Amino acid sequence: MIDNFALGLTHALLLLAAWRLLSRPDLADDAAPRTPRRGWFGKDA
């Protein structure tokens, strides 16, 4: 049971990271304005 949970959790985290990277507006547009860097919990970096 714990093995299935660990596999599911890691795959879900990988899918979340890929989804966030692919949903960036500046992914394929070199002329897109750079978004300001945000720190942890939305604080300015």
C-alpha atoms as a PDB file:
ATOM      1  CA  MET A   1       0.000   0.000   0.000  1.00  0.00           C
ATOM      2  CA  ILE A   2       2.738   2.473   0.889  1.00  0.00           C
ATOM      3  CA  ASP A   3       4.558   1.714  -2.361  1.00  0.00           C
ATOM      4  CA  ASN A   4       1.507   2.661  -4.413  1.00  0.00           C
ATOM      5  CA  PHE A   5       1.092   5.841  -2.374  1.00  0.00           C
ATOM      6  CA  ALA A   6       4.737   6.818  -2.851  1.00  0.00           C
ATOM      7  CA  LEU A   7       4.584   6.179  -6.598  1.00  0.00           C
ATOM      8  CA  GLY A   8       1.314   8.077  -6.926  1.00  0.00           C
ATOM      9  CA  LEU A   9       2.590  11.031  -4.916  1.00  0.00           C
ATOM     10  CA  THR A  10       5.830  11.392  -6.861  1.00  0.00           C
ATOM     11  CA  HIS A  11       4.047  11.092 -10.203  1.00  0.00           C
ATOM     12  CA  ALA A  12       1.463  13.658  -9.133  1.00  0.00           C
ATOM     13  CA  LEU A  13       4.219  16.082  -8.136  1.00  0.00           C
ATOM     14  CA  LEU A  14       5.996  15.561 -11.462  1.00  0.00           C
ATOM     15  CA  LEU A  15       2.744  16.195 -13.341  1.00  0.00           C
ATOM     16  CA  LEU A  16       2.146  19.359 -11.309  1.00  0.00           C
ATOM     17  CA  ALA A  17       5.647  20.649 -12.084  1.00  0.00           C
ATOM     18  CA  ALA A  18       5.273  19.887 -15.804  1.00  0.00           C
ATOM     19  CA  TRP A  19       1.841  21.539 -15.906  1.00  0.00           C
ATOM     20  CA  ARG A  20       3.178  24.692 -14.247  1.00  0.00           C
ATOM     21  CA  LEU A  21       6.146  24.859 -16.624  1.00  0.00           C
ATOM     22  CA  LEU A  22       4.030  24.294 -19.726  1.00  0.00           C
ATOM     23  CA  SER A  23       1.437  26.883 -18.691  1.00  0.00           C
ATOM     24  CA  ARG A  24       3.977  29.733 -18.562  1.00  0.00           C
ATOM     25  CA  PRO A  25       3.112  32.479 -21.071  1.00  0.00           C
ATOM     26  CA  ASP A  26       6.760  33.125 -21.955  1.00  0.00           C
ATOM     27  CA  LEU A  27       7.535  29.498 -22.785  1.00  0.00           C
ATOM     28  CA  ALA A  28       7.550  29.888 -26.579  1.00  0.00           C
ATOM     29  CA  ASP A  29       7.606  33.677 -26.928  1.00  0.00           C
ATOM     30  CA  ASP A  30      11.025  35.319 -26.736  1.00  0.00           C
ATOM     31  CA  ALA A  31       9.477  38.799 -26.871  1.00  0.00           C
ATOM     32  CA  ALA A  32       7.177  38.186 -23.907  1.00  0.00           C
ATOM     33  CA  PRO A  33       7.837  40.422 -20.924  1.00  0.00           C
ATOM     34  CA  ARG A  34       9.610  38.702 -18.119  1.00  0.00           C
ATOM     35  CA  THR A  35       7.415  38.058 -15.133  1.00  0.00           C
ATOM     36  CA  PRO A  36       8.719  39.403 -11.822  1.00  0.00           C
ATOM     37  CA  ARG A  37      10.319  36.844  -9.564  1.00  0.00           C
ATOM     38  CA  ARG A  38       8.184  35.789  -6.681  1.00  0.00           C
ATOM     39  CA  GLY A  39       9.517  34.233  -3.521  1.00  0.00           C
ATOM     40  CA  TRP A  40       7.948  31.665  -1.266  1.00  0.00           C
ATOM     41  CA  PHE A  41       4.258  32.149  -0.537  1.00  0.00           C
ATOM     42  CA  GLY A  42       3.932  35.018  -3.036  1.00  0.00           C
ATOM     43  CA  LYS A  43       6.385  37.363  -1.339  1.00  0.00           C
ATOM     44  CA  ASP A  44       8.600  39.525  -3.547  1.00  0.00           C
ATOM     45  CA  ALA A  45      12.103  38.166  -3.974  1.00  0.00           C
END
